[in-house]
Amino acid sequence: MARQAQAIHVPVTRPAGAAPAWLVSLTNILRYIVLFAFALVFLAPFIFAIANSFKTAPQIAQDALNLIPNPFTLANYIKLTQGAANVPLWTLNSILFAGVVTAARVLLCALAGYALARINFPGRNIIFLAVLATMMIPGVVLLIPRFIILKQLGLLATYPGGILPILVDAFGIFLMKQFFESLPGEVEEAARIDGATPLQIFWRVALPMAAAPLIALAILAFQGTWNELQHFLVALGPTARDLWPLTLGLATLRGAGVGQQLDFGLFLAGSILMTLPMAIIFILFQRSFVESSSHSAVKG
């Protein structure tokens, strides 16, 4: 008869000084509650804006804090396509401006950052300092010089006039330079021994390794162009309505003229229309955006 094995009970001991399991769980719960509270504070205005965009004007005035529209209406979104508003065309213009500027910034900033980081040429440090210096100048200071240059070139109220002045961004060059400086030189040296030219090394070796900062740069470029107002107001002017992006077009919905009243529902609907594309893009690419933040740090 086989002898039954006796179960051996080994007591589980907690390391000295370790907190009890219930205390660790309670601490984690409290942390999540605090984080949720902070998130709710930041999300609350956006949530109320969405809810009120589906309400009528009297309902917004009487019960703006109610998150359930009663009655639910799409009238504010319908009004965006009627009257003086031309939201479909303004949306296409915004997509055009943001798409072209994003593609150009990703390519040109990557080229400039790689040249400043990996190619030795006279005056490289001076050029880089000049690029950094432009980041210290307030954008509003450049509006009048930009207007004069565009006027002299005959580019006011044109698509090129709205695109060319913002094709390259100093921060984008800085971001890409810092990343390319962190790449190991052995990889490029191996490609150089195989006979690759500097452009081939950039295109086939360095650029594929820069996916994270390129995605971050694309998000920042798209967001900055999508939300830009001052530049388009100067470059396109108040009369070229067919060239306006959404920011400039929706600014006219504020009712800021004499004797006009702000249509809260219409303005909130336009704000939601402006916000949703960027929120979706950031949610989809937030991991790459966060990962690339380390590459923007100054090398020690």
Protein backbone atom coordinates (compact mmCIF):
# COMPACT_ATOMS: atom_id res chain seq x y z
CA MET A 1 0.00 0.00 0.00
CA ALA A 2 1.46 3.30 -1.12
CA ARG A 3 2.20 5.63 1.65
CA GLN A 4 0.33 8.90 1.33
CA ALA A 5 2.52 11.93 1.10
CA GLN A 6 1.95 14.36 3.86
CA ALA A 7 1.36 17.98 2.89
CA ILE A 8 4.02 20.30 4.12
CA HIS A 9 2.77 23.73 5.12
CA VAL A 10 5.38 26.44 4.81
CA PRO A 11 4.37 29.60 6.64
CA VAL A 12 4.47 32.72 4.48
CA THR A 13 6.43 35.39 6.24
CA ARG A 14 6.38 39.07 5.39
CA PRO A 15 9.74 40.80 4.96
CA ALA A 16 10.76 42.91 7.87
CA GLY A 17 9.45 46.44 7.60
CA ALA A 18 7.02 45.63 4.74
CA ALA A 19 3.54 47.10 4.92
CA PRO A 20 0.55 44.77 5.33
CA ALA A 21 -1.24 43.72 2.16
CA TRP A 22 -4.45 45.51 3.18
CA LEU A 23 -2.54 48.76 3.65
CA VAL A 24 -0.92 48.46 0.20
CA SER A 25 -4.32 47.84 -1.39
CA LEU A 26 -5.86 50.79 0.46
CA THR A 27 -3.01 53.06 -0.64
CA ASN A 28 -3.46 52.04 -4.27
CA ILE A 29 -7.20 52.66 -4.06
CA LEU A 30 -6.63 56.13 -2.60
CA ARG A 31 -4.14 56.92 -5.36
CA TYR A 32 -6.62 55.95 -8.07
CA ILE A 33 -9.32 58.04 -6.40
CA VAL A 34 -7.06 61.10 -6.38
CA LEU A 35 -6.01 60.55 -10.00
CA PHE A 36 -9.65 60.11 -11.04
CA ALA A 37 -10.58 63.33 -9.23
CA PHE A 38 -7.85 65.28 -11.04
CA ALA A 39 -8.88 63.77 -14.38
CA LEU A 40 -12.50 64.67 -13.71
CA VAL A 41 -11.54 68.29 -12.99
CA PHE A 42 -9.84 68.58 -16.38
CA LEU A 43 -12.52 66.64 -18.27
CA ALA A 44 -15.55 68.34 -16.70
CA PRO A 45 -15.54 71.45 -18.97
CA PHE A 46 -15.27 69.27 -22.07
CA ILE A 47 -18.09 66.99 -20.87
CA PHE A 48 -20.38 69.95 -20.12
CA ALA A 49 -19.53 71.48 -23.52
CA ILE A 50 -20.58 68.28 -25.29
CA ALA A 51 -23.83 68.04 -23.32
CA ASN A 52 -24.77 71.70 -23.88
CA SER A 53 -24.01 71.53 -27.60
CA PHE A 54 -27.05 69.27 -27.95
CA LYS A 55 -29.39 71.61 -26.04
CA THR A 56 -31.59 74.49 -27.11
CA ALA A 57 -30.66 78.05 -26.13
CA PRO A 58 -33.36 78.33 -23.39
CA GLN A 59 -32.30 75.00 -21.92
CA ILE A 60 -28.65 76.09 -21.79
CA ALA A 61 -29.67 79.28 -19.98
CA GLN A 62 -31.91 77.50 -17.47
CA ASP A 63 -30.10 74.20 -16.82
CA ALA A 64 -26.52 74.33 -18.14
CA LEU A 65 -25.21 71.86 -15.53
CA ASN A 66 -27.55 69.07 -16.58
CA LEU A 67 -25.60 66.45 -18.55
CA ILE A 68 -28.72 64.98 -20.17
CA PRO A 69 -30.19 67.22 -22.91
CA ASN A 70 -33.96 67.32 -22.75
CA PRO A 71 -34.97 67.66 -25.48
CA PHE A 72 -32.01 66.32 -27.43
CA THR A 73 -31.43 68.38 -30.57
CA LEU A 74 -28.92 68.61 -33.42
CA ALA A 75 -30.02 72.13 -34.30
CA ASN A 76 -26.71 73.69 -33.28
CA TYR A 77 -24.72 71.36 -35.55
CA ILE A 78 -27.17 71.92 -38.40
CA LYS A 79 -26.76 75.69 -38.06
CA LEU A 80 -23.01 75.29 -38.56
CA THR A 81 -23.66 74.51 -42.23
CA GLN A 82 -26.21 77.25 -42.79
CA GLY A 83 -26.15 80.99 -43.20
CA ALA A 84 -22.80 82.75 -43.40
CA ALA A 85 -20.99 79.74 -41.93
CA ASN A 86 -19.33 77.43 -44.44
CA VAL A 87 -18.06 74.78 -42.06
CA PRO A 88 -17.53 72.00 -44.66
CA LEU A 89 -15.22 74.22 -46.73
CA TRP A 90 -13.45 75.55 -43.62
CA THR A 91 -12.93 71.97 -42.46
CA LEU A 92 -11.36 71.02 -45.79
CA ASN A 93 -9.11 74.08 -45.60
CA SER A 94 -8.01 73.12 -42.09
CA ILE A 95 -7.25 69.58 -43.23
CA LEU A 96 -5.28 70.95 -46.19
CA PHE A 97 -3.25 73.41 -44.10
CA ALA A 98 -2.61 70.93 -41.28
CA GLY A 99 -1.77 68.04 -43.63
CA VAL A 100 0.69 69.97 -45.81
CA VAL A 101 2.40 71.68 -42.86
CA THR A 102 2.67 68.41 -40.91
CA ALA A 103 4.24 66.52 -43.82
CA ALA A 104 6.66 69.38 -44.55
CA ARG A 105 7.70 69.81 -40.92
CA VAL A 106 8.34 66.11 -40.42
CA LEU A 107 10.61 65.96 -43.48
CA LEU A 108 12.35 69.34 -43.21
CA CYS A 109 12.85 69.28 -39.44
CA ALA A 110 14.24 65.74 -39.66
CA LEU A 111 16.66 66.80 -42.41
CA ALA A 112 17.78 69.89 -40.51
CA GLY A 113 18.08 68.03 -37.20
CA TYR A 114 20.15 65.25 -38.79
CA ALA A 115 22.47 67.75 -40.49
CA LEU A 116 23.04 69.66 -37.25
CA ALA A 117 23.58 66.47 -35.24
CA ARG A 118 25.66 64.21 -37.52
CA ILE A 119 27.32 66.35 -40.22
CA ASN A 120 30.31 68.51 -39.41
CA PHE A 121 30.34 71.78 -41.33
CA PRO A 122 31.55 75.31 -40.53
CA GLY A 123 29.13 77.37 -38.46
CA ARG A 124 27.02 74.41 -37.34
CA ASN A 125 26.86 75.52 -33.70
CA ILE A 126 26.10 79.12 -34.67
CA ILE A 127 23.21 77.99 -36.87
CA PHE A 128 21.84 75.83 -34.07
CA LEU A 129 22.02 78.73 -31.60
CA ALA A 130 20.23 80.94 -34.13
CA VAL A 131 17.48 78.33 -34.41
CA LEU A 132 17.15 78.20 -30.62
CA ALA A 133 17.04 81.99 -30.48
CA THR A 134 13.92 82.04 -32.64
CA MET A 135 12.13 79.98 -29.99
CA MET A 136 12.58 82.85 -27.51
CA ILE A 137 10.79 85.41 -29.68
CA PRO A 138 7.04 85.78 -28.99
CA GLY A 139 5.02 84.84 -32.06
CA VAL A 140 2.98 88.01 -31.93
CA VAL A 141 6.15 90.07 -32.56
CA LEU A 142 6.56 88.40 -35.96
CA LEU A 143 3.04 89.08 -37.21
CA ILE A 144 3.71 92.54 -38.69
CA PRO A 145 7.01 91.57 -40.41
CA ARG A 146 5.29 88.47 -41.76
CA PHE A 147 2.42 90.56 -43.12
CA ILE A 148 4.84 92.96 -44.84
CA ILE A 149 6.82 90.13 -46.45
CA LEU A 150 3.70 88.36 -47.69
CA LYS A 151 2.36 91.63 -49.10
CA GLN A 152 5.61 92.34 -50.95
CA LEU A 153 5.57 88.84 -52.43
CA GLY A 154 1.90 89.06 -53.39
CA LEU A 155 0.99 86.04 -51.24
CA LEU A 156 -1.69 87.63 -49.04
CA ALA A 157 -5.05 85.82 -49.10
CA THR A 158 -3.60 82.79 -50.90
CA TYR A 159 -3.02 79.18 -49.93
CA PRO A 160 0.79 79.50 -50.30
CA GLY A 161 0.69 82.56 -48.06
CA GLY A 162 -1.03 80.55 -45.36
CA ILE A 163 1.34 77.57 -45.66
CA LEU A 164 4.87 78.79 -46.44
CA PRO A 165 5.58 80.88 -43.28
CA ILE A 166 4.86 77.92 -40.95
CA LEU A 167 6.43 75.06 -42.90
CA VAL A 168 9.41 74.73 -40.53
CA ASP A 169 9.39 74.86 -36.75
CA ALA A 170 12.40 75.59 -34.52
CA PHE A 171 11.23 73.18 -31.81
CA GLY A 172 10.92 70.41 -34.39
CA ILE A 173 14.53 70.94 -35.48
CA PHE A 174 15.64 70.92 -31.83
CA LEU A 175 13.68 67.74 -31.09
CA MET A 176 15.09 65.82 -34.05
CA LYS A 177 18.65 67.04 -33.42
CA GLN A 178 18.54 65.78 -29.84
CA PHE A 179 17.29 62.38 -30.99
CA PHE A 180 19.81 61.92 -33.79
CA GLU A 181 22.64 62.80 -31.40
CA SER A 182 21.57 59.84 -29.23
CA LEU A 183 21.95 57.31 -32.05
CA PRO A 184 25.06 55.08 -31.89
CA GLY A 185 27.68 56.13 -34.42
CA GLU A 186 28.59 52.52 -35.20
CA VAL A 187 25.37 52.02 -37.17
CA GLU A 188 26.12 54.92 -39.49
CA GLU A 189 29.76 53.94 -39.76
CA ALA A 190 28.79 50.46 -40.94
CA ALA A 191 26.52 51.95 -43.61
CA ARG A 192 29.29 54.35 -44.64
CA ILE A 193 31.73 51.47 -45.06
CA ASP A 194 29.19 49.75 -47.32
CA GLY A 195 29.29 52.80 -49.58
CA ALA A 196 26.13 54.61 -48.50
CA THR A 197 25.98 58.36 -49.06
CA PRO A 198 24.94 60.75 -46.22
CA LEU A 199 21.46 61.05 -47.75
CA GLN A 200 21.12 57.27 -47.98
CA ILE A 201 22.26 56.90 -44.37
CA PHE A 202 19.66 59.44 -43.30
CA TRP A 203 16.84 57.91 -45.34
CA ARG A 204 17.55 54.18 -44.81
CA VAL A 205 19.25 54.06 -41.41
CA ALA A 206 18.54 57.09 -39.22
CA LEU A 207 14.97 57.89 -40.26
CA PRO A 208 13.51 54.40 -39.64
CA MET A 209 14.98 54.50 -36.12
CA ALA A 210 13.26 57.83 -35.38
CA ALA A 211 9.66 56.61 -35.49
CA ALA A 212 8.73 57.80 -31.97
CA PRO A 213 10.00 61.42 -32.26
CA LEU A 214 8.63 61.68 -35.79
CA ILE A 215 5.16 60.70 -34.58
CA ALA A 216 5.43 63.21 -31.73
CA LEU A 217 6.56 65.91 -34.16
CA ALA A 218 3.68 65.08 -36.50
CA ILE A 219 1.16 65.31 -33.66
CA LEU A 220 2.54 68.65 -32.47
CA ALA A 221 2.66 70.05 -36.01
CA PHE A 222 -0.88 68.94 -36.80
CA GLN A 223 -2.21 70.26 -33.49
CA GLY A 224 -0.42 73.58 -33.81
CA THR A 225 -1.64 74.16 -37.37
CA TRP A 226 -5.17 72.94 -36.62
CA ASN A 227 -5.49 75.39 -33.72
CA GLU A 228 -3.61 78.30 -35.33
CA LEU A 229 -5.53 81.57 -35.52
CA GLN A 230 -3.25 84.62 -35.50
CA HIS A 231 -1.14 83.57 -38.46
CA PHE A 232 -4.14 82.79 -40.67
CA LEU A 233 -5.82 86.04 -39.65
CA VAL A 234 -2.76 87.95 -40.89
CA ALA A 235 -1.98 85.82 -43.93
CA LEU A 236 -5.53 85.28 -45.23
CA GLY A 237 -7.28 88.42 -44.00
CA PRO A 238 -10.89 88.97 -42.94
CA THR A 239 -12.35 88.94 -46.45
CA ALA A 240 -11.03 85.72 -48.05
CA ARG A 241 -13.73 83.53 -46.45
CA ASP A 242 -13.25 80.71 -48.95
CA LEU A 243 -9.65 80.27 -47.73
CA TRP A 244 -10.39 80.36 -44.01
CA PRO A 245 -9.60 77.37 -41.79
CA LEU A 246 -11.97 76.30 -39.04
CA THR A 247 -10.32 78.43 -36.36
CA LEU A 248 -10.80 81.63 -38.32
CA GLY A 249 -14.28 80.69 -39.50
CA LEU A 250 -15.60 79.63 -36.12
CA ALA A 251 -14.23 82.82 -34.55
CA THR A 252 -16.96 84.69 -36.44
CA LEU A 253 -19.60 82.66 -34.58
CA ARG A 254 -18.77 84.35 -31.29
CA GLY A 255 -21.08 87.26 -32.03
CA ALA A 256 -18.51 89.80 -30.94
CA GLY A 257 -19.97 92.59 -33.05
CA VAL A 258 -21.91 95.54 -31.67
CA GLY A 259 -25.42 94.51 -30.64
CA GLN A 260 -24.74 90.80 -31.23
CA GLN A 261 -25.22 88.12 -28.62
CA LEU A 262 -23.20 84.97 -28.22
CA ASP A 263 -25.08 81.87 -29.38
CA PHE A 264 -23.72 79.46 -26.78
CA GLY A 265 -25.10 76.33 -28.41
CA LEU A 266 -23.70 77.18 -31.82
CA PHE A 267 -20.34 78.19 -30.36
CA LEU A 268 -20.08 75.01 -28.27
CA ALA A 269 -20.93 72.86 -31.30
CA GLY A 270 -18.13 74.54 -33.23
CA SER A 271 -15.74 74.03 -30.30
CA ILE A 272 -16.54 70.31 -30.19
CA LEU A 273 -15.98 70.08 -33.93
CA MET A 274 -12.55 71.67 -33.46
CA THR A 275 -11.58 69.52 -30.47
CA LEU A 276 -12.62 66.01 -31.44
CA PRO A 277 -10.07 65.39 -34.25
CA MET A 278 -7.13 66.30 -32.01
CA ALA A 279 -8.51 64.25 -29.11
CA ILE A 280 -8.83 61.19 -31.35
CA ILE A 281 -5.32 61.63 -32.77
CA PHE A 282 -3.77 61.99 -29.33
CA ILE A 283 -5.61 58.93 -27.97
CA LEU A 284 -4.41 56.81 -30.89
CA PHE A 285 -0.76 57.91 -30.69
CA GLN A 286 -0.33 58.85 -27.03
CA ARG A 287 2.17 56.03 -26.35
CA SER A 288 4.54 57.20 -29.09
CA PHE A 289 4.04 60.79 -27.99
CA VAL A 290 4.99 60.03 -24.37
CA GLU A 291 7.93 57.82 -25.33
CA SER A 292 9.42 60.55 -27.49
CA SER A 293 9.40 63.11 -24.67
CA SER A 294 12.73 61.79 -23.39
CA HIS A 295 14.41 62.65 -26.68
CA SER A 296 13.63 66.36 -26.27
CA ALA A 297 15.79 66.57 -23.13
CA VAL A 298 19.10 68.35 -23.42
CA LYS A 299 22.02 65.96 -23.54
CA GLY A 300 24.41 66.29 -20.63
